[in-house]
Each structure stands twice: as C-alpha cells, then as structure tokens.
Amino acid sequence: LFVALGLLVVASLANQKQADAATRLVTKSFSNSRQITIPEGAPTSTAGAALPYPSAITSSFPRGSKVRDVNVTLRSYTHTFPDDVDVLLVHAGKNRTIMSDAGGDHDVSNITIKLDDEAFNGPVGGLAPGDTQLAGGTFKPFNYSGGDAFDFPAPTANAKSALSGFDGLSARRGWKLFVDDNGSSDVGKFAGGWTVHIKAAVPQ
C-alpha cells in the first residue's frame, strides 16, 4: 500500500512538472476607468444598484491560459456611509463578495483600495476595519455581513470572499463587478473605476 501511494505521489509530481514546463507565468492588468456611481441616480437616489451595473472588463490572454492569482483595485472611492456598500466580482460562472460592509458610518473620500488574498498589513490580520475609519491601502477581500443580496442581474452572491476562488479558471473570459448600496440616505462612487490584476499560466 505504501509503495503504491509513493508511486502515485511521484507520478503526480512528474505530471505537475510537465505542466509547469509547458507554461509560463504572465501578469497583466486590465482596467475600466468609467466612474461607478453608487447607487444609480445618486444623489437623488440613495439605495440599490450602482451605474454601470455591472461594470465589465475583458481580459486578453492566449487560449488555454489559466488564472493563478487575481487582485482587484477599486479607485477613488468616496461614500458617506461605506457600511452600505457591497461589491461582487463575477468571472466564468463563479463569484465572490470581495468587499462588504467595511468602514462603518465613517465617511471616506477619494481613497483607493487594493484587494489581495496575500495582504498582511491591514488593521485586522490584513482585513480592512469593519466599524472604524476605512483608509486607502491593500487588504484581504472582506465580507462582514455574510449574506448580501444583490439586485438583478447579479447572480446569487457567494458569501465567500477569497479571490483564490477564481484560480484555475480561464484567464480569457470577461470580469464583471456588481456594486450595490443596501442602505438609504447616502451615496458615493468609485470615481476612477476599477482594475483586475491577473497572473496566468500561459501555454508556451
């Protein structure tokens, strides 16, 4: 039994080495700089889906390229009650709630946030603060509410937030960002839009 298990491990490692030799790692960033108004119709409207909804980005890689790592940057974020804001990233049939209910009732003005599974310098183990002042910086994706409902046509949200959920998927397909304001009386925007940073295994 132990011999058989050992042979399986060796074979698996050999297959992985062959796969790695057939690909190279390439990192590219793709942006949509159109402002995302939160919510649509702000400042008259103060709740519901943002505009555009979704905000879309198309990533270009050779056929057969697979995602190895994804990060997201949300640019020039302003909101008068950031605890209301939920952000859902969708790609190739999967989704993750990458930002939800951070910053409490403390206004934010023109800050830029990068979301990275490997972040370590946030106030709470790499996470953005849940109830205290939110500042610009690099944080792990965070979902403090756990059960967000996004307006149609967003899919049913996955409460998980880690961007690693997209690893192994095609790097070629489109990415969609659904931003929803689930409160009332407050408005905001991502004035600089957003960027998706993709490390992909590209066929040699």
C-alpha atoms as a PDB file:
ATOM      1  CA  LEU A   1       0.000   0.000   0.000  1.00  0.00           C
ATOM      2  CA  PHE A   2       2.745   2.434   0.962  1.00  0.00           C
ATOM      3  CA  VAL A   3       4.655   1.629  -2.228  1.00  0.00           C
ATOM      4  CA  ALA A   4       1.557   2.292  -4.314  1.00  0.00           C
ATOM      5  CA  LEU A   5       0.933   5.615  -2.560  1.00  0.00           C
ATOM      6  CA  GLY A   6       4.542   6.588  -3.105  1.00  0.00           C
ATOM      7  CA  LEU A   7       4.286   5.833  -6.811  1.00  0.00           C
ATOM      8  CA  LEU A   8       1.136   7.934  -7.058  1.00  0.00           C
ATOM      9  CA  VAL A   9       2.851  10.898  -5.410  1.00  0.00           C
ATOM     10  CA  VAL A  10       5.851  10.604  -7.730  1.00  0.00           C
ATOM     11  CA  ALA A  11       3.594  10.384 -10.771  1.00  0.00           C
ATOM     12  CA  SER A  12       1.592  13.399  -9.627  1.00  0.00           C
ATOM     13  CA  LEU A  13       4.747  15.464  -9.131  1.00  0.00           C
ATOM     14  CA  ALA A  14       6.033  14.428 -12.547  1.00  0.00           C
ATOM     15  CA  ASN A  15       2.758  15.457 -14.178  1.00  0.00           C
ATOM     16  CA  GLN A  16       2.879  18.815 -12.398  1.00  0.00           C
ATOM     17  CA  LYS A  17       6.455  19.418 -13.567  1.00  0.00           C
ATOM     18  CA  GLN A  18       5.430  18.622 -17.133  1.00  0.00           C
ATOM     19  CA  ALA A  19       2.502  21.048 -16.870  1.00  0.00           C
ATOM     20  CA  ASP A  20       4.722  23.776 -15.431  1.00  0.00           C
ATOM     21  CA  ALA A  21       7.290  23.268 -18.187  1.00  0.00           C
ATOM     22  CA  ALA A  22       4.574  23.720 -20.802  1.00  0.00           C
ATOM     23  CA  THR A  23       3.503  27.116 -19.449  1.00  0.00           C
ATOM     24  CA  ARG A  24       4.985  30.425 -18.350  1.00  0.00           C
ATOM     25  CA  LEU A  25       3.585  32.873 -15.822  1.00  0.00           C
ATOM     26  CA  VAL A  26       2.384  36.195 -17.229  1.00  0.00           C
ATOM     27  CA  THR A  27       0.882  39.044 -15.193  1.00  0.00           C
ATOM     28  CA  LYS A  28      -1.353  41.640 -16.822  1.00  0.00           C
ATOM     29  CA  SER A  29      -3.662  44.372 -15.544  1.00  0.00           C
ATOM     30  CA  PHE A  30      -6.907  45.414 -17.206  1.00  0.00           C
ATOM     31  CA  SER A  31      -8.935  48.495 -16.265  1.00  0.00           C
ATOM     32  CA  ASN A  32     -12.336  50.060 -16.731  1.00  0.00           C
ATOM     33  CA  SER A  33     -11.869  53.724 -15.789  1.00  0.00           C
ATOM     34  CA  ARG A  34     -15.533  54.687 -16.142  1.00  0.00           C
ATOM     35  CA  GLN A  35     -16.892  56.055 -12.879  1.00  0.00           C
ATOM     36  CA  ILE A  36     -19.155  53.710 -10.907  1.00  0.00           C
ATOM     37  CA  THR A  37     -21.896  55.848  -9.340  1.00  0.00           C
ATOM     38  CA  ILE A  38     -23.278  54.387  -6.087  1.00  0.00           C
ATOM     39  CA  PRO A  39     -26.203  53.978  -6.453  1.00  0.00           C
ATOM     40  CA  GLU A  40     -27.518  54.741  -9.925  1.00  0.00           C
ATOM     41  CA  GLY A  41     -29.200  58.131  -9.872  1.00  0.00           C
ATOM     42  CA  ALA A  42     -27.203  59.483  -6.931  1.00  0.00           C
ATOM     43  CA  PRO A  43     -27.561  61.932  -5.271  1.00  0.00           C
ATOM     44  CA  THR A  44     -31.332  61.787  -5.869  1.00  0.00           C
ATOM     45  CA  SER A  45     -31.471  58.015  -5.401  1.00  0.00           C
ATOM     46  CA  THR A  46     -29.763  56.647  -2.302  1.00  0.00           C
ATOM     47  CA  ALA A  47     -30.160  52.860  -2.459  1.00  0.00           C
ATOM     48  CA  GLY A  48     -29.877  49.991  -4.929  1.00  0.00           C
ATOM     49  CA  ALA A  49     -27.639  49.068  -7.833  1.00  0.00           C
ATOM     50  CA  ALA A  50     -24.797  51.268  -8.997  1.00  0.00           C
ATOM     51  CA  LEU A  51     -24.275  52.617 -12.523  1.00  0.00           C
ATOM     52  CA  PRO A  52     -22.975  50.838 -14.554  1.00  0.00           C
ATOM     53  CA  TYR A  53     -24.279  47.540 -13.232  1.00  0.00           C
ATOM     54  CA  PRO A  54     -22.228  45.557 -13.854  1.00  0.00           C
ATOM     55  CA  SER A  55     -19.022  47.337 -14.722  1.00  0.00           C
ATOM     56  CA  ALA A  56     -17.228  44.991 -17.137  1.00  0.00           C
ATOM     57  CA  ILE A  57     -13.642  44.240 -18.114  1.00  0.00           C
ATOM     58  CA  THR A  58     -12.407  41.836 -20.808  1.00  0.00           C
ATOM     59  CA  SER A  59      -9.017  40.232 -20.188  1.00  0.00           C
ATOM     60  CA  SER A  60      -6.864  39.119 -23.117  1.00  0.00           C
ATOM     61  CA  PHE A  61      -4.610  36.073 -22.834  1.00  0.00           C
ATOM     62  CA  PRO A  62      -3.764  33.270 -25.290  1.00  0.00           C
ATOM     63  CA  ARG A  63      -6.129  30.314 -25.483  1.00  0.00           C
ATOM     64  CA  GLY A  64      -5.552  27.786 -22.752  1.00  0.00           C
ATOM     65  CA  SER A  65      -4.314  30.349 -20.226  1.00  0.00           C
ATOM     66  CA  LYS A  66      -5.375  29.623 -16.645  1.00  0.00           C
ATOM     67  CA  VAL A  67      -5.708  32.000 -13.701  1.00  0.00           C
ATOM     68  CA  ARG A  68      -3.082  31.529 -10.997  1.00  0.00           C
ATOM     69  CA  ASP A  69      -3.750  34.677  -8.955  1.00  0.00           C
ATOM     70  CA  VAL A  70      -6.135  37.659  -9.044  1.00  0.00           C
ATOM     71  CA  ASN A  71      -6.077  41.036  -7.304  1.00  0.00           C
ATOM     72  CA  VAL A  72      -8.547  43.921  -7.669  1.00  0.00           C
ATOM     73  CA  THR A  73      -8.072  47.677  -7.278  1.00  0.00           C
ATOM     74  CA  LEU A  74     -11.054  49.967  -6.589  1.00  0.00           C
ATOM     75  CA  ARG A  75     -10.098  53.526  -7.488  1.00  0.00           C
ATOM     76  CA  SER A  76     -11.004  56.864  -5.901  1.00  0.00           C
ATOM     77  CA  TYR A  77     -13.680  55.570  -3.542  1.00  0.00           C
ATOM     78  CA  THR A  78     -15.964  58.106  -1.880  1.00  0.00           C
ATOM     79  CA  HIS A  79     -19.058  57.320   0.190  1.00  0.00           C
ATOM     80  CA  THR A  80     -20.943  58.942   3.048  1.00  0.00           C
ATOM     81  CA  PHE A  81     -21.754  55.593   4.741  1.00  0.00           C
ATOM     82  CA  PRO A  82     -19.361  52.882   3.464  1.00  0.00           C
ATOM     83  CA  ASP A  83     -21.015  50.198   5.600  1.00  0.00           C
ATOM     84  CA  ASP A  84     -23.816  50.235   2.983  1.00  0.00           C
ATOM     85  CA  VAL A  85     -21.610  49.196   0.060  1.00  0.00           C
ATOM     86  CA  ASP A  86     -21.282  45.628  -1.257  1.00  0.00           C
ATOM     87  CA  VAL A  87     -19.042  44.569  -4.158  1.00  0.00           C
ATOM     88  CA  LEU A  88     -19.415  41.270  -6.055  1.00  0.00           C
ATOM     89  CA  LEU A  89     -16.837  40.035  -8.599  1.00  0.00           C
ATOM     90  CA  VAL A  90     -18.071  37.549 -11.230  1.00  0.00           C
ATOM     91  CA  HIS A  91     -15.975  35.528 -13.678  1.00  0.00           C
ATOM     92  CA  ALA A  92     -16.580  32.333 -15.652  1.00  0.00           C
ATOM     93  CA  GLY A  93     -19.629  31.280 -13.668  1.00  0.00           C
ATOM     94  CA  LYS A  94     -18.098  31.896 -10.241  1.00  0.00           C
ATOM     95  CA  ASN A  95     -18.481  34.869  -7.919  1.00  0.00           C
ATOM     96  CA  ARG A  96     -17.026  36.237  -4.721  1.00  0.00           C
ATOM     97  CA  THR A  97     -18.208  39.051  -2.440  1.00  0.00           C
ATOM     98  CA  ILE A  98     -14.834  40.777  -2.320  1.00  0.00           C
ATOM     99  CA  MET A  99     -15.847  43.838  -0.288  1.00  0.00           C
ATOM    100  CA  SER A 100     -18.810  44.301   2.007  1.00  0.00           C
ATOM    101  CA  ASP A 101     -19.794  46.424   4.998  1.00  0.00           C
ATOM    102  CA  ALA A 102     -16.432  47.899   5.985  1.00  0.00           C
ATOM    103  CA  GLY A 103     -15.793  51.302   7.493  1.00  0.00           C
ATOM    104  CA  GLY A 104     -18.977  51.683   9.485  1.00  0.00           C
ATOM    105  CA  ASP A 105     -20.581  55.122   9.329  1.00  0.00           C
ATOM    106  CA  HIS A 106     -17.318  56.975   8.777  1.00  0.00           C
ATOM    107  CA  ASP A 107     -17.190  58.933   5.501  1.00  0.00           C
ATOM    108  CA  VAL A 108     -14.472  58.017   3.014  1.00  0.00           C
ATOM    109  CA  SER A 109     -13.210  60.453   0.405  1.00  0.00           C
ATOM    110  CA  ASN A 110     -11.178  59.631  -2.698  1.00  0.00           C
ATOM    111  CA  ILE A 111      -9.360  56.586  -1.331  1.00  0.00           C
ATOM    112  CA  THR A 112      -8.023  53.699  -3.395  1.00  0.00           C
ATOM    113  CA  ILE A 113      -8.310  50.115  -2.141  1.00  0.00           C
ATOM    114  CA  LYS A 114      -6.445  47.090  -3.462  1.00  0.00           C
ATOM    115  CA  LEU A 115      -7.803  43.653  -2.564  1.00  0.00           C
ATOM    116  CA  ASP A 116      -5.232  40.859  -2.383  1.00  0.00           C
ATOM    117  CA  ASP A 117      -5.529  37.464  -0.664  1.00  0.00           C
ATOM    118  CA  GLU A 118      -1.906  37.776   0.410  1.00  0.00           C
ATOM    119  CA  ALA A 119      -2.274  41.174   2.108  1.00  0.00           C
ATOM    120  CA  PHE A 120      -0.890  41.279   5.618  1.00  0.00           C
ATOM    121  CA  ASN A 121      -0.728  44.937   6.696  1.00  0.00           C
ATOM    122  CA  GLY A 122      -4.394  45.656   7.402  1.00  0.00           C
ATOM    123  CA  PRO A 123      -5.592  46.615  10.886  1.00  0.00           C
ATOM    124  CA  VAL A 124      -7.143  43.182  11.494  1.00  0.00           C
ATOM    125  CA  GLY A 125      -4.878  40.468  10.126  1.00  0.00           C
ATOM    126  CA  GLY A 126      -4.800  42.010   6.694  1.00  0.00           C
ATOM    127  CA  LEU A 127      -8.505  42.878   6.669  1.00  0.00           C
ATOM    128  CA  ALA A 128      -9.976  46.358   6.410  1.00  0.00           C
ATOM    129  CA  PRO A 129     -11.689  47.634   9.585  1.00  0.00           C
ATOM    130  CA  GLY A 130     -15.308  46.626   9.990  1.00  0.00           C
ATOM    131  CA  ASP A 131     -16.598  49.545  12.064  1.00  0.00           C
ATOM    132  CA  THR A 132     -13.800  52.109  12.321  1.00  0.00           C
ATOM    133  CA  GLN A 133     -12.418  54.553   9.762  1.00  0.00           C
ATOM    134  CA  LEU A 134     -11.538  52.985   6.410  1.00  0.00           C
ATOM    135  CA  ALA A 135      -8.404  54.333   4.734  1.00  0.00           C
ATOM    136  CA  GLY A 136      -6.766  53.583   1.418  1.00  0.00           C
ATOM    137  CA  GLY A 137      -4.398  50.620   1.252  1.00  0.00           C
ATOM    138  CA  THR A 138      -4.062  46.940   0.408  1.00  0.00           C
ATOM    139  CA  PHE A 139      -6.322  44.494   2.239  1.00  0.00           C
ATOM    140  CA  LYS A 140      -7.565  40.948   2.014  1.00  0.00           C
ATOM    141  CA  PRO A 141     -11.022  40.704   0.435  1.00  0.00           C
ATOM    142  CA  PHE A 142     -13.594  41.090   3.185  1.00  0.00           C
ATOM    143  CA  ASN A 143     -17.265  40.301   3.707  1.00  0.00           C
ATOM    144  CA  TYR A 144     -18.504  41.365   7.115  1.00  0.00           C
ATOM    145  CA  SER A 145     -22.209  40.709   6.553  1.00  0.00           C
ATOM    146  CA  GLY A 146     -22.062  37.237   5.009  1.00  0.00           C
ATOM    147  CA  GLY A 147     -25.490  37.230   3.340  1.00  0.00           C
ATOM    148  CA  ASP A 148     -25.708  40.077   0.848  1.00  0.00           C
ATOM    149  CA  ALA A 149     -28.474  40.195  -1.744  1.00  0.00           C
ATOM    150  CA  PHE A 150     -27.582  41.945  -4.995  1.00  0.00           C
ATOM    151  CA  ASP A 151     -30.080  43.399  -7.433  1.00  0.00           C
ATOM    152  CA  PHE A 152     -30.786  41.635 -10.738  1.00  0.00           C
ATOM    153  CA  PRO A 153     -28.964  40.733 -12.985  1.00  0.00           C
ATOM    154  CA  ALA A 154     -26.271  39.854 -10.449  1.00  0.00           C
ATOM    155  CA  PRO A 155     -26.134  36.135  -9.565  1.00  0.00           C
ATOM    156  CA  THR A 156     -26.887  34.865  -6.090  1.00  0.00           C
ATOM    157  CA  ALA A 157     -23.909  36.049  -4.109  1.00  0.00           C
ATOM    158  CA  ASN A 158     -21.359  33.633  -2.718  1.00  0.00           C
ATOM    159  CA  ALA A 159     -20.639  34.660   0.868  1.00  0.00           C
ATOM    160  CA  LYS A 160     -17.005  33.639   0.401  1.00  0.00           C
ATOM    161  CA  SER A 161     -14.623  36.480  -0.387  1.00  0.00           C
ATOM    162  CA  ALA A 162     -11.214  34.972  -1.237  1.00  0.00           C
ATOM    163  CA  LEU A 163     -10.062  35.757  -4.771  1.00  0.00           C
ATOM    164  CA  SER A 164      -8.396  32.347  -4.906  1.00  0.00           C
ATOM    165  CA  GLY A 165     -11.846  31.047  -5.829  1.00  0.00           C
ATOM    166  CA  PHE A 166     -11.038  32.090  -9.411  1.00  0.00           C
ATOM    167  CA  ASP A 167      -7.752  30.168  -9.585  1.00  0.00           C
ATOM    168  CA  GLY A 168      -7.670  27.564 -12.341  1.00  0.00           C
ATOM    169  CA  LEU A 169     -10.359  29.219 -14.448  1.00  0.00           C
ATOM    170  CA  SER A 170      -9.777  30.515 -17.949  1.00  0.00           C
ATOM    171  CA  ALA A 171      -7.921  33.826 -17.925  1.00  0.00           C
ATOM    172  CA  ARG A 172      -9.613  34.921 -21.148  1.00  0.00           C
ATOM    173  CA  ARG A 173     -13.201  35.472 -20.158  1.00  0.00           C
ATOM    174  CA  GLY A 174     -14.858  38.691 -19.045  1.00  0.00           C
ATOM    175  CA  TRP A 175     -14.932  40.005 -15.487  1.00  0.00           C
ATOM    176  CA  LYS A 176     -17.957  41.775 -14.033  1.00  0.00           C
ATOM    177  CA  LEU A 177     -18.157  43.980 -10.953  1.00  0.00           C
ATOM    178  CA  PHE A 178     -21.573  44.423  -9.330  1.00  0.00           C
ATOM    179  CA  VAL A 179     -21.708  47.263  -6.783  1.00  0.00           C
ATOM    180  CA  ASP A 180     -24.812  47.620  -4.624  1.00  0.00           C
ATOM    181  CA  ASP A 181     -25.840  50.147  -1.958  1.00  0.00           C
ATOM    182  CA  ASN A 182     -28.042  48.355   0.572  1.00  0.00           C
ATOM    183  CA  GLY A 183     -28.784  51.352   2.778  1.00  0.00           C
ATOM    184  CA  SER A 184     -30.550  54.665   2.360  1.00  0.00           C
ATOM    185  CA  SER A 185     -29.802  58.390   2.557  1.00  0.00           C
ATOM    186  CA  ASP A 186     -26.147  58.012   1.496  1.00  0.00           C
ATOM    187  CA  VAL A 187     -24.303  57.994  -1.820  1.00  0.00           C
ATOM    188  CA  GLY A 188     -20.827  57.556  -3.250  1.00  0.00           C
ATOM    189  CA  LYS A 189     -18.712  56.459  -6.211  1.00  0.00           C
ATOM    190  CA  PHE A 190     -15.619  54.732  -7.475  1.00  0.00           C
ATOM    191  CA  ALA A 191     -14.577  57.783  -9.475  1.00  0.00           C
ATOM    192  CA  GLY A 192     -11.651  56.029 -11.132  1.00  0.00           C
ATOM    193  CA  GLY A 193     -13.406  52.748 -11.859  1.00  0.00           C
ATOM    194  CA  TRP A 194     -11.508  49.548 -11.180  1.00  0.00           C
ATOM    195  CA  THR A 195      -8.668  47.276 -12.289  1.00  0.00           C
ATOM    196  CA  VAL A 196      -8.254  43.500 -12.285  1.00  0.00           C
ATOM    197  CA  HIS A 197      -4.677  42.212 -11.989  1.00  0.00           C
ATOM    198  CA  ILE A 198      -4.276  38.650 -13.291  1.00  0.00           C
ATOM    199  CA  LYS A 199      -1.335  36.256 -13.053  1.00  0.00           C
ATOM    200  CA  ALA A 200      -1.921  33.480 -15.555  1.00  0.00           C
ATOM    201  CA  ALA A 201      -0.220  30.275 -16.626  1.00  0.00           C
ATOM    202  CA  VAL A 202       0.149  30.818 -20.382  1.00  0.00           C
ATOM    203  CA  PRO A 203       0.928  27.963 -22.815  1.00  0.00           C
ATOM    204  CA  GLN A 204       4.478  28.068 -24.201  1.00  0.00           C
END
